[in-house]
Amino acid sequence: VAKDLALQMPEFRDSGVRVVSEGRTQYFALHGKTGHLVTAERIDRELLCESMEQCVLRCELIVEGEM
């Protein structure tokens, strides 16, 4: 994510970047040292999507401040 936003790690950490998912459980996070998008919680497809053929988890990336 840091690479895609063309931010170096010090400015990436200081820019208030965060990942927000729908609902209470936050399934994704940003690794503080690398800027990689990682899973923050175990994702149980059967629990989330039950009998649906396609399972999609949506999240938003929020960046505070100037880019």
Protein backbone atom coordinates (compact mmCIF):
# COMPACT_ATOMS: atom_id res chain seq x y z
CA VAL A 1 0.00 0.00 0.00
CA ALA A 2 2.84 2.38 0.83
CA LYS A 3 4.41 1.66 -2.56
CA ASP A 4 1.08 2.17 -4.39
CA LEU A 5 0.63 5.56 -2.65
CA ALA A 6 4.27 6.49 -3.42
CA LEU A 7 4.97 7.12 0.27
CA GLN A 8 8.18 6.30 2.12
CA MET A 9 7.72 4.41 5.39
CA PRO A 10 8.32 7.35 7.81
CA GLU A 11 5.74 9.54 6.05
CA PHE A 12 3.43 6.51 5.59
CA ARG A 13 3.35 5.89 9.35
CA ASP A 14 2.85 9.59 10.12
CA SER A 15 0.09 10.21 7.55
CA GLY A 16 -2.70 8.52 9.52
CA VAL A 17 -3.30 5.75 6.97
CA ARG A 18 -5.75 3.09 8.14
CA VAL A 19 -7.94 0.32 6.75
CA VAL A 20 -11.63 0.24 7.65
CA SER A 21 -13.94 -2.73 7.04
CA GLU A 22 -17.73 -2.88 7.23
CA GLY A 23 -19.09 -4.21 10.50
CA ARG A 24 -17.41 -4.69 13.86
CA THR A 25 -14.62 -7.04 12.88
CA GLN A 26 -11.66 -5.45 11.14
CA TYR A 27 -10.28 -8.20 8.92
CA PHE A 28 -7.44 -6.19 7.40
CA ALA A 29 -4.64 -4.02 8.73
CA LEU A 30 -1.49 -2.31 7.52
CA HIS A 31 1.84 -3.75 8.65
CA GLY A 32 3.63 -0.89 10.42
CA LYS A 33 7.15 -1.70 9.23
CA THR A 34 6.46 -2.68 5.61
CA GLY A 35 3.21 -0.92 4.67
CA HIS A 36 1.80 -4.23 3.39
CA LEU A 37 -1.91 -5.00 3.61
CA VAL A 38 -2.30 -8.02 5.92
CA THR A 39 -5.14 -10.00 7.48
CA ALA A 40 -5.80 -8.87 11.04
CA GLU A 41 -8.33 -11.56 11.94
CA ARG A 42 -9.03 -15.11 10.85
CA ILE A 43 -11.43 -15.02 7.88
CA ASP A 44 -14.04 -17.80 8.03
CA ARG A 45 -15.74 -17.93 4.62
CA GLU A 46 -18.50 -20.30 5.76
CA LEU A 47 -19.42 -18.03 8.64
CA LEU A 48 -19.32 -14.81 6.59
CA CYS A 49 -20.90 -15.89 3.32
CA GLU A 50 -22.73 -19.11 4.21
CA SER A 51 -24.07 -20.61 0.97
CA MET A 52 -23.22 -17.71 -1.35
CA GLU A 53 -21.14 -18.69 -4.37
CA GLN A 54 -19.08 -15.48 -4.39
CA CYS A 55 -17.68 -14.08 -1.15
CA VAL A 56 -16.45 -10.47 -1.14
CA LEU A 57 -15.02 -8.54 1.80
CA ARG A 58 -14.89 -4.81 1.21
CA CYS A 59 -12.61 -2.40 2.99
CA GLU A 60 -11.62 1.22 2.58
CA LEU A 61 -8.21 2.82 2.89
CA ILE A 62 -8.35 6.18 4.66
CA VAL A 63 -5.41 8.60 4.37
CA GLU A 64 -5.42 11.69 6.55
CA GLY A 65 -3.48 14.78 5.59
CA GLU A 66 -1.91 15.74 2.29
CA MET A 67 -0.52 13.31 -0.26
